[in-house]
Structures are given as structure tokens and as C-alpha cells.
Amino acid sequence: MAKLRTITLIALVFGMMAGAHADTLQMDGIVTDAESPRPTRGMTQSNVESSFGSPVSKKAAVGDPPISSWEYQGFVVFFEYDRVIHAVVKR
């Protein structure tokens, strides 16, 4: 009986392992990081403006800590105080 339980357990484990896999999803129109230069985390607002030019629009800081954003043609940059915390590509 113990031998049957062991064989069943082994078969169950191998069955679960066989079902574990991942697929890569390819989507048309998605821009990768290498294709879209944008500001990196930690850059100052003056560095961003000197490297990427003037933004299309600026949104005032809200909250505590103050979070502001600058919108460029292809991406949006989010700042905490005067430092970049994130830059995202626009769809």
C-alpha cells in the first residue's frame, strides 16, 4: 500500500511539472526600452529638460511627497520633488 501511495505521489508531481511552462506574448506596435530613449530614475528635472527638451505640458505637484509629471511626445515622466521616479512610454 505504501508503495502504491509513493508511485501515485511521484506520478502526480511529474504530471504537475509537465504542465508548468510559459509562453512569450508578442504584440504588434509595442515599443521596447531600447527603441524608446527616456529619462532614467534619479535624473533631475534640469537634466531631463537639457537632455530631452521642453515638455509638451507640465502638471503641478500633488500629494505628500509632491509628485508632478511632464508629458513629452512619446512618454510621460513622473517626478518626486525634482527627481525622476518613473518614465513611461505613451501608447
PDB file of N, CA and C in Angstrom:
ATOM      1  N   MET A   1       0.824  -1.197   0.000  1.00  0.00           N
ATOM      2  CA  MET A   1       0.000   0.000   0.000  1.00  0.00           C
ATOM      3  C   MET A   1       0.870   1.264   0.000  1.00  0.00           C
ATOM      4  N   ALA A   2       1.929   1.263   0.783  1.00  0.00           N
ATOM      5  CA  ALA A   2       2.820   2.416   0.832  1.00  0.00           C
ATOM      6  C   ALA A   2       3.507   2.620  -0.512  1.00  0.00           C
ATOM      7  N   LYS A   3       3.830   1.511  -1.165  1.00  0.00           N
ATOM      8  CA  LYS A   3       4.476   1.600  -2.470  1.00  0.00           C
ATOM      9  C   LYS A   3       3.531   2.233  -3.503  1.00  0.00           C
ATOM     10  N   LEU A   4       2.259   1.887  -3.444  1.00  0.00           N
ATOM     11  CA  LEU A   4       1.267   2.457  -4.355  1.00  0.00           C
ATOM     12  C   LEU A   4       1.098   3.956  -4.113  1.00  0.00           C
ATOM     13  N   ARG A   5       1.101   4.343  -2.835  1.00  0.00           N
ATOM     14  CA  ARG A   5       1.000   5.761  -2.494  1.00  0.00           C
ATOM     15  C   ARG A   5       2.207   6.541  -3.026  1.00  0.00           C
ATOM     16  N   THR A   6       3.391   5.966  -2.886  1.00  0.00           N
ATOM     17  CA  THR A   6       4.612   6.621  -3.365  1.00  0.00           C
ATOM     18  C   THR A   6       4.578   6.773  -4.882  1.00  0.00           C
ATOM     19  N   ILE A   7       4.185   5.744  -5.584  1.00  0.00           N
ATOM     20  CA  ILE A   7       4.110   5.799  -7.043  1.00  0.00           C
ATOM     21  C   ILE A   7       3.071   6.834  -7.486  1.00  0.00           C
ATOM     22  N   THR A   8       1.942   6.874  -6.802  1.00  0.00           N
ATOM     23  CA  THR A   8       0.902   7.853  -7.120  1.00  0.00           C
ATOM     24  C   THR A   8       1.409   9.274  -6.895  1.00  0.00           C
ATOM     25  N   LEU A   9       2.099   9.478  -5.785  1.00  0.00           N
ATOM     26  CA  LEU A   9       2.645  10.803  -5.469  1.00  0.00           C
ATOM     27  C   LEU A   9       3.661  11.233  -6.526  1.00  0.00           C
ATOM     28  N   ILE A  10       4.539  10.329  -6.923  1.00  0.00           N
ATOM     29  CA  ILE A  10       5.549  10.643  -7.937  1.00  0.00           C
ATOM     30  C   ILE A  10       4.865  10.977  -9.270  1.00  0.00           C
ATOM     31  N   ALA A  11       3.867  10.196  -9.646  1.00  0.00           N
ATOM     32  CA  ALA A  11       3.141  10.456 -10.893  1.00  0.00           C
ATOM     33  C   ALA A  11       2.448  11.810 -10.842  1.00  0.00           C
ATOM     34  N   LEU A  12       1.891  12.151  -9.699  1.00  0.00           N
ATOM     35  CA  LEU A  12       1.213  13.437  -9.537  1.00  0.00           C
ATOM     36  C   LEU A  12       2.199  14.595  -9.666  1.00  0.00           C
ATOM     37  N   VAL A  13       3.352  14.472  -9.029  1.00  0.00           N
ATOM     38  CA  VAL A  13       4.369  15.532  -9.092  1.00  0.00           C
ATOM     39  C   VAL A  13       4.856  15.704 -10.532  1.00  0.00           C
ATOM     40  N   PHE A  14       5.167  14.613 -11.218  1.00  0.00           N
ATOM     41  CA  PHE A  14       5.620  14.726 -12.605  1.00  0.00           C
ATOM     42  C   PHE A  14       4.525  15.272 -13.512  1.00  0.00           C
ATOM     43  N   GLY A  15       3.299  14.925 -13.249  1.00  0.00           N
ATOM     44  CA  GLY A  15       2.185  15.459 -14.031  1.00  0.00           C
ATOM     45  C   GLY A  15       2.045  16.958 -13.867  1.00  0.00           C
ATOM     46  N   MET A  16       2.241  17.450 -12.649  1.00  0.00           N
ATOM     47  CA  MET A  16       2.162  18.896 -12.403  1.00  0.00           C
ATOM     48  C   MET A  16       3.337  19.615 -13.045  1.00  0.00           C
ATOM     49  N   MET A  17       4.515  18.994 -13.022  1.00  0.00           N
ATOM     50  CA  MET A  17       5.691  19.625 -13.621  1.00  0.00           C
ATOM     51  C   MET A  17       5.562  19.698 -15.134  1.00  0.00           C
ATOM     52  N   ALA A  18       4.947  18.716 -15.736  1.00  0.00           N
ATOM     53  CA  ALA A  18       4.792  18.708 -17.185  1.00  0.00           C
ATOM     54  C   ALA A  18       3.875  19.832 -17.647  1.00  0.00           C
ATOM     55  N   GLY A  19       2.941  20.244 -16.807  1.00  0.00           N
ATOM     56  CA  GLY A  19       2.010  21.308 -17.173  1.00  0.00           C
ATOM     57  C   GLY A  19       2.554  22.699 -16.920  1.00  0.00           C
ATOM     58  N   ALA A  20       3.681  22.817 -16.248  1.00  0.00           N
ATOM     59  CA  ALA A  20       4.245  24.129 -15.924  1.00  0.00           C
ATOM     60  C   ALA A  20       5.169  24.581 -17.044  1.00  0.00           C
ATOM     61  N   HIS A  21       4.736  25.593 -17.786  1.00  0.00           N
ATOM     62  CA  HIS A  21       5.549  26.193 -18.832  1.00  0.00           C
ATOM     63  C   HIS A  21       5.046  27.603 -19.076  1.00  0.00           C
ATOM     64  N   ALA A  22       5.831  28.362 -19.803  1.00  0.00           N
ATOM     65  CA  ALA A  22       5.449  29.748 -20.071  1.00  0.00           C
ATOM     66  C   ALA A  22       5.545  30.030 -21.567  1.00  0.00           C
ATOM     67  N   ASP A  23       4.710  30.923 -22.025  1.00  0.00           N
ATOM     68  CA  ASP A  23       4.745  31.374 -23.406  1.00  0.00           C
ATOM     69  C   ASP A  23       5.179  32.827 -23.437  1.00  0.00           C
ATOM     70  N   THR A  24       5.783  33.234 -24.534  1.00  0.00           N
ATOM     71  CA  THR A  24       6.150  34.631 -24.734  1.00  0.00           C
ATOM     72  C   THR A  24       5.097  35.270 -25.613  1.00  0.00           C
ATOM     73  N   LEU A  25       4.534  36.348 -25.145  1.00  0.00           N
ATOM     74  CA  LEU A  25       3.493  37.045 -25.889  1.00  0.00           C
ATOM     75  C   LEU A  25       4.121  38.163 -26.704  1.00  0.00           C
ATOM     76  N   GLN A  26       3.955  38.107 -28.014  1.00  0.00           N
ATOM     77  CA  GLN A  26       4.454  39.138 -28.914  1.00  0.00           C
ATOM     78  C   GLN A  26       3.280  40.007 -29.336  1.00  0.00           C
ATOM     79  N   MET A  27       3.422  41.322 -29.186  1.00  0.00           N
ATOM     80  CA  MET A  27       2.341  42.239 -29.537  1.00  0.00           C
ATOM     81  C   MET A  27       2.856  43.265 -30.534  1.00  0.00           C
ATOM     82  N   ASP A  28       2.101  43.470 -31.596  1.00  0.00           N
ATOM     83  CA  ASP A  28       2.467  44.462 -32.594  1.00  0.00           C
ATOM     84  C   ASP A  28       2.290  45.871 -32.034  1.00  0.00           C
ATOM     85  N   GLY A  29       3.163  46.771 -32.407  1.00  0.00           N
ATOM     86  CA  GLY A  29       3.016  48.164 -32.022  1.00  0.00           C
ATOM     87  C   GLY A  29       3.577  48.506 -30.654  1.00  0.00           C
ATOM     88  N   ILE A  30       4.131  47.546 -29.956  1.00  0.00           N
ATOM     89  CA  ILE A  30       4.696  47.817 -28.635  1.00  0.00           C
ATOM     90  C   ILE A  30       6.155  48.212 -28.813  1.00  0.00           C
ATOM     91  N   VAL A  31       6.546  49.299 -28.169  1.00  0.00           N
ATOM     92  CA  VAL A  31       7.906  49.803 -28.274  1.00  0.00           C
ATOM     93  C   VAL A  31       8.715  49.267 -27.106  1.00  0.00           C
ATOM     94  N   THR A  32       9.887  48.708 -27.381  1.00  0.00           N
ATOM     95  CA  THR A  32      10.732  48.188 -26.319  1.00  0.00           C
ATOM     96  C   THR A  32      11.591  49.301 -25.741  1.00  0.00           C
ATOM     97  N   ASP A  33      12.221  49.018 -24.612  1.00  0.00           N
ATOM     98  CA  ASP A  33      13.062  50.010 -23.944  1.00  0.00           C
ATOM     99  C   ASP A  33      14.184  50.515 -24.847  1.00  0.00           C
ATOM    100  N   ALA A  34      14.790  49.622 -25.608  1.00  0.00           N
ATOM    101  CA  ALA A  34      15.914  50.006 -26.460  1.00  0.00           C
ATOM    102  C   ALA A  34      15.479  50.940 -27.579  1.00  0.00           C
ATOM    103  N   GLU A  35      14.226  50.837 -28.015  1.00  0.00           N
ATOM    104  CA  GLU A  35      13.736  51.652 -29.117  1.00  0.00           C
ATOM    105  C   GLU A  35      13.236  53.018 -28.671  1.00  0.00           C
ATOM    106  N   SER A  36      13.062  53.208 -27.387  1.00  0.00           N
ATOM    107  CA  SER A  36      12.477  54.439 -26.891  1.00  0.00           C
ATOM    108  C   SER A  36      13.314  55.038 -25.765  1.00  0.00           C
ATOM    109  N   PRO A  37      14.284  55.889 -26.102  1.00  0.00           N
ATOM    110  CA  PRO A  37      15.071  56.507 -25.031  1.00  0.00           C
ATOM    111  C   PRO A  37      14.187  57.433 -24.201  1.00  0.00           C
ATOM    112  N   ARG A  38      14.345  57.350 -22.906  1.00  0.00           N
ATOM    113  CA  ARG A  38      13.598  58.209 -21.996  1.00  0.00           C
ATOM    114  C   ARG A  38      14.404  58.394 -20.724  1.00  0.00           C
ATOM    115  N   PRO A  39      14.028  59.357 -19.898  1.00  0.00           N
ATOM    116  CA  PRO A  39      14.783  59.632 -18.677  1.00  0.00           C
ATOM    117  C   PRO A  39      14.863  58.417 -17.752  1.00  0.00           C
ATOM    118  N   THR A  40      15.943  58.341 -17.020  1.00  0.00           N
ATOM    119  CA  THR A  40      16.136  57.241 -16.080  1.00  0.00           C
ATOM    120  C   THR A  40      15.901  57.718 -14.653  1.00  0.00           C
ATOM    121  N   ARG A  41      15.593  56.786 -13.792  1.00  0.00           N
ATOM    122  CA  ARG A  41      15.312  57.064 -12.390  1.00  0.00           C
ATOM    123  C   ARG A  41      16.468  57.826 -11.753  1.00  0.00           C
ATOM    124  N   GLY A  42      16.133  58.897 -11.028  1.00  0.00           N
ATOM    125  CA  GLY A  42      17.138  59.675 -10.318  1.00  0.00           C
ATOM    126  C   GLY A  42      17.593  60.935 -11.030  1.00  0.00           C
ATOM    127  N   MET A  43      17.296  61.060 -12.327  1.00  0.00           N
ATOM    128  CA  MET A  43      17.675  62.276 -13.050  1.00  0.00           C
ATOM    129  C   MET A  43      16.921  63.466 -12.463  1.00  0.00           C
ATOM    130  N   THR A  44      17.547  64.631 -12.483  1.00  0.00           N
ATOM    131  CA  THR A  44      16.879  65.838 -12.015  1.00  0.00           C
ATOM    132  C   THR A  44      16.033  66.431 -13.135  1.00  0.00           C
ATOM    133  N   GLN A  45      15.129  67.330 -12.778  1.00  0.00           N
ATOM    134  CA  GLN A  45      14.294  67.984 -13.777  1.00  0.00           C
ATOM    135  C   GLN A  45      15.143  68.758 -14.773  1.00  0.00           C
ATOM    136  N   SER A  46      16.195  69.412 -14.287  1.00  0.00           N
ATOM    137  CA  SER A  46      17.053  70.181 -15.205  1.00  0.00           C
ATOM    138  C   SER A  46      17.801  69.244 -16.155  1.00  0.00           C
ATOM    139  N   ASN A  47      18.237  68.064 -15.686  1.00  0.00           N
ATOM    140  CA  ASN A  47      18.877  67.085 -16.567  1.00  0.00           C
ATOM    141  C   ASN A  47      17.915  66.591 -17.637  1.00  0.00           C
ATOM    142  N   VAL A  48      16.666  66.330 -17.240  1.00  0.00           N
ATOM    143  CA  VAL A  48      15.660  65.849 -18.185  1.00  0.00           C
ATOM    144  C   VAL A  48      15.410  66.905 -19.252  1.00  0.00           C
ATOM    145  N   GLU A  49      15.253  68.150 -18.828  1.00  0.00           N
ATOM    146  CA  GLU A  49      14.967  69.215 -19.789  1.00  0.00           C
ATOM    147  C   GLU A  49      16.142  69.467 -20.726  1.00  0.00           C
ATOM    148  N   SER A  50      17.364  69.374 -20.204  1.00  0.00           N
ATOM    149  CA  SER A  50      18.522  69.588 -21.074  1.00  0.00           C
ATOM    150  C   SER A  50      18.736  68.412 -22.029  1.00  0.00           C
ATOM    151  N   SER A  51      18.368  67.207 -21.615  1.00  0.00           N
ATOM    152  CA  SER A  51      18.557  66.030 -22.467  1.00  0.00           C
ATOM    153  C   SER A  51      17.420  65.815 -23.463  1.00  0.00           C
ATOM    154  N   PHE A  52      16.176  66.122 -23.055  1.00  0.00           N
ATOM    155  CA  PHE A  52      15.014  65.804 -23.877  1.00  0.00           C
ATOM    156  C   PHE A  52      14.236  67.026 -24.353  1.00  0.00           C
ATOM    157  N   GLY A  53      14.679  68.212 -23.969  1.00  0.00           N
ATOM    158  CA  GLY A  53      14.000  69.431 -24.385  1.00  0.00           C
ATOM    159  C   GLY A  53      12.832  69.764 -23.482  1.00  0.00           C
ATOM    160  N   SER A  54      12.112  70.805 -23.861  1.00  0.00           N
ATOM    161  CA  SER A  54      10.954  71.235 -23.075  1.00  0.00           C
ATOM    162  C   SER A  54       9.795  70.267 -23.277  1.00  0.00           C
ATOM    163  N   PRO A  55       9.075  69.952 -22.201  1.00  0.00           N
ATOM    164  CA  PRO A  55       7.932  69.047 -22.338  1.00  0.00           C
ATOM    165  C   PRO A  55       6.764  69.727 -23.037  1.00  0.00           C
ATOM    166  N   VAL A  56       5.860  68.914 -23.571  1.00  0.00           N
ATOM    167  CA  VAL A  56       4.642  69.424 -24.193  1.00  0.00           C
ATOM    168  C   VAL A  56       3.774  70.083 -23.125  1.00  0.00           C
ATOM    169  N   SER A  57       3.695  69.446 -21.948  1.00  0.00           N
ATOM    170  CA  SER A  57       2.944  70.030 -20.835  1.00  0.00           C
ATOM    171  C   SER A  57       3.543  69.582 -19.514  1.00  0.00           C
ATOM    172  N   LYS A  58       3.288  70.389 -18.484  1.00  0.00           N
ATOM    173  CA  LYS A  58       3.740  70.077 -17.126  1.00  0.00           C
ATOM    174  C   LYS A  58       2.519  70.083 -16.215  1.00  0.00           C
ATOM    175  N   LYS A  59       2.413  69.062 -15.361  1.00  0.00           N
ATOM    176  CA  LYS A  59       1.338  69.014 -14.376  1.00  0.00           C
ATOM    177  C   LYS A  59       1.929  69.305 -13.014  1.00  0.00           C
ATOM    178  N   ALA A  60       1.268  70.164 -12.275  1.00  0.00           N
ATOM    179  CA  ALA A  60       1.752  70.594 -10.965  1.00  0.00           C
ATOM    180  C   ALA A  60       1.803  69.428  -9.984  1.00  0.00           C
ATOM    181  N   ALA A  61       2.659  69.570  -8.992  1.00  0.00           N
ATOM    182  CA  ALA A  61       2.830  68.538  -7.971  1.00  0.00           C
ATOM    183  C   ALA A  61       1.587  68.437  -7.092  1.00  0.00           C
ATOM    184  N   VAL A  62       1.260  67.198  -6.723  1.00  0.00           N
ATOM    185  CA  VAL A  62       0.158  66.929  -5.796  1.00  0.00           C
ATOM    186  C   VAL A  62       0.633  65.924  -4.759  1.00  0.00           C
ATOM    187  N   GLY A  63       0.018  65.989  -3.580  1.00  0.00           N
ATOM    188  CA  GLY A  63       0.287  64.998  -2.543  1.00  0.00           C
ATOM    189  C   GLY A  63       1.514  65.276  -1.722  1.00  0.00           C
ATOM    190  N   ASP A  64       1.800  64.324  -0.837  1.00  0.00           N
ATOM    191  CA  ASP A  64       2.952  64.410   0.047  1.00  0.00           C
ATOM    192  C   ASP A  64       3.594  63.038   0.122  1.00  0.00           C
ATOM    193  N   PRO A  65       4.732  62.794  -0.458  1.00  0.00           N
ATOM    194  CA  PRO A  65       5.611  63.741  -1.124  1.00  0.00           C
ATOM    195  C   PRO A  65       4.996  64.242  -2.434  1.00  0.00           C
ATOM    196  N   PRO A  66       5.407  65.429  -2.857  1.00  0.00           N
ATOM    197  CA  PRO A  66       4.825  66.007  -4.066  1.00  0.00           C
ATOM    198  C   PRO A  66       5.247  65.242  -5.327  1.00  0.00           C
ATOM    199  N   ILE A  67       4.258  64.796  -6.107  1.00  0.00           N
ATOM    200  CA  ILE A  67       4.507  64.078  -7.356  1.00  0.00           C
ATOM    201  C   ILE A  67       3.991  64.950  -8.509  1.00  0.00           C
ATOM    202  N   SER A  68       4.881  65.245  -9.440  1.00  0.00           N
ATOM    203  CA  SER A  68       4.498  66.020 -10.620  1.00  0.00           C
ATOM    204  C   SER A  68       4.809  65.191 -11.856  1.00  0.00           C
ATOM    205  N   SER A  69       4.309  65.640 -13.003  1.00  0.00           N
ATOM    206  CA  SER A  69       4.601  64.915 -14.239  1.00  0.00           C
ATOM    207  C   SER A  69       4.808  65.884 -15.390  1.00  0.00           C
ATOM    208  N   TRP A  70       5.645  65.454 -16.314  1.00  0.00           N
ATOM    209  CA  TRP A  70       5.888  66.180 -17.540  1.00  0.00           C
ATOM    210  C   TRP A  70       5.522  65.260 -18.685  1.00  0.00           C
ATOM    211  N   GLU A  71       4.794  65.794 -19.635  1.00  0.00           N
ATOM    212  CA  GLU A  71       4.391  64.993 -20.783  1.00  0.00           C
ATOM    213  C   GLU A  71       5.212  65.399 -22.001  1.00  0.00           C
ATOM    214  N   TYR A  72       5.838  64.403 -22.610  1.00  0.00           N
ATOM    215  CA  TYR A  72       6.573  64.592 -23.855  1.00  0.00           C
ATOM    216  C   TYR A  72       5.793  63.913 -24.973  1.00  0.00           C
ATOM    217  N   GLN A  73       6.245  64.044 -26.200  1.00  0.00           N
ATOM    218  CA  GLN A  73       5.543  63.468 -27.342  1.00  0.00           C
ATOM    219  C   GLN A  73       5.358  61.957 -27.193  1.00  0.00           C
ATOM    220  N   GLY A  74       6.415  61.242 -26.772  1.00  0.00           N
ATOM    221  CA  GLY A  74       6.346  59.787 -26.729  1.00  0.00           C
ATOM    222  C   GLY A  74       6.307  59.166 -25.352  1.00  0.00           C
ATOM    223  N   PHE A  75       6.465  59.965 -24.311  1.00  0.00           N
ATOM    224  CA  PHE A  75       6.498  59.401 -22.966  1.00  0.00           C
ATOM    225  C   PHE A  75       6.077  60.436 -21.926  1.00  0.00           C
ATOM    226  N   VAL A  76       5.819  59.964 -20.716  1.00  0.00           N
ATOM    227  CA  VAL A  76       5.474  60.825 -19.583  1.00  0.00           C
ATOM    228  C   VAL A  76       6.475  60.534 -18.477  1.00  0.00           C
ATOM    229  N   VAL A  77       6.987  61.588 -17.853  1.00  0.00           N
ATOM    230  CA  VAL A  77       7.968  61.460 -16.773  1.00  0.00           C
ATOM    231  C   VAL A  77       7.317  61.882 -15.464  1.00  0.00           C
ATOM    232  N   PHE A  78       7.477  61.070 -14.426  1.00  0.00           N
ATOM    233  CA  PHE A  78       6.935  61.381 -13.108  1.00  0.00           C
ATOM    234  C   PHE A  78       8.085  61.721 -12.170  1.00  0.00           C
ATOM    235  N   PHE A  79       7.906  62.804 -11.432  1.00  0.00           N
ATOM    236  CA  PHE A  79       8.932  63.289 -10.514  1.00  0.00           C
ATOM    237  C   PHE A  79       8.428  63.259  -9.074  1.00  0.00           C
ATOM    238  N   GLU A  80       9.325  62.946  -8.152  1.00  0.00           N
ATOM    239  CA  GLU A  80       9.085  63.163  -6.725  1.00  0.00           C
ATOM    240  C   GLU A  80      10.070  64.258  -6.342  1.00  0.00           C
ATOM    241  N   TYR A  81       9.540  65.391  -5.887  1.00  0.00           N
ATOM    242  CA  TYR A  81      10.321  66.615  -5.727  1.00  0.00           C
ATOM    243  C   TYR A  81      10.903  66.952  -7.102  1.00  0.00           C
ATOM    244  N   ASP A  82      12.230  66.930  -7.276  1.00  0.00           N
ATOM    245  CA  ASP A  82      12.795  67.259  -8.599  1.00  0.00           C
ATOM    246  C   ASP A  82      13.507  66.074  -9.237  1.00  0.00           C
ATOM    247  N   ARG A  83      13.251  64.858  -8.734  1.00  0.00           N
ATOM    248  CA  ARG A  83      13.923  63.658  -9.240  1.00  0.00           C
ATOM    249  C   ARG A  83      12.954  62.720  -9.962  1.00  0.00           C
ATOM    250  N   VAL A  84      13.418  62.122 -11.066  1.00  0.00           N
ATOM    251  CA  VAL A  84      12.604  61.162 -11.823  1.00  0.00           C
ATOM    252  C   VAL A  84      12.387  59.911 -10.974  1.00  0.00           C
ATOM    253  N   ILE A  85      11.126  59.506 -10.864  1.00  0.00           N
ATOM    254  CA  ILE A  85      10.831  58.232 -10.212  1.00  0.00           C
ATOM    255  C   ILE A  85      10.368  57.195 -11.229  1.00  0.00           C
ATOM    256  N   HIS A  86       9.837  57.659 -12.379  1.00  0.00           N
ATOM    257  CA  HIS A  86       9.375  56.729 -13.410  1.00  0.00           C
ATOM    258  C   HIS A  86       9.153  57.486 -14.715  1.00  0.00           C
ATOM    259  N   ALA A  87       9.424  56.814 -15.815  1.00  0.00           N
ATOM    260  CA  ALA A  87       9.124  57.365 -17.144  1.00  0.00           C
ATOM    261  C   ALA A  87       8.468  56.254 -17.950  1.00  0.00           C
ATOM    262  N   VAL A  88       7.301  56.526 -18.482  1.00  0.00           N
ATOM    263  CA  VAL A  88       6.535  55.504 -19.202  1.00  0.00           C
ATOM    264  C   VAL A  88       6.275  55.931 -20.647  1.00  0.00           C
ATOM    265  N   VAL A  89       6.322  54.948 -21.542  1.00  0.00           N
ATOM    266  CA  VAL A  89       6.043  55.186 -22.952  1.00  0.00           C
ATOM    267  C   VAL A  89       4.538  55.325 -23.128  1.00  0.00           C
ATOM    268  N   LYS A  90       4.115  56.330 -23.905  1.00  0.00           N
ATOM    269  CA  LYS A  90       2.696  56.526 -24.203  1.00  0.00           C
ATOM    270  C   LYS A  90       2.289  55.573 -25.311  1.00  0.00           C
ATOM    271  N   ARG A  91       1.050  55.101 -25.234  1.00  0.00           N
ATOM    272  CA  ARG A  91       0.526  54.235 -26.307  1.00  0.00           C
ATOM    273  C   ARG A  91      -0.066  55.084 -27.385  1.00  0.00           C
TER     274      ARG A  91
END
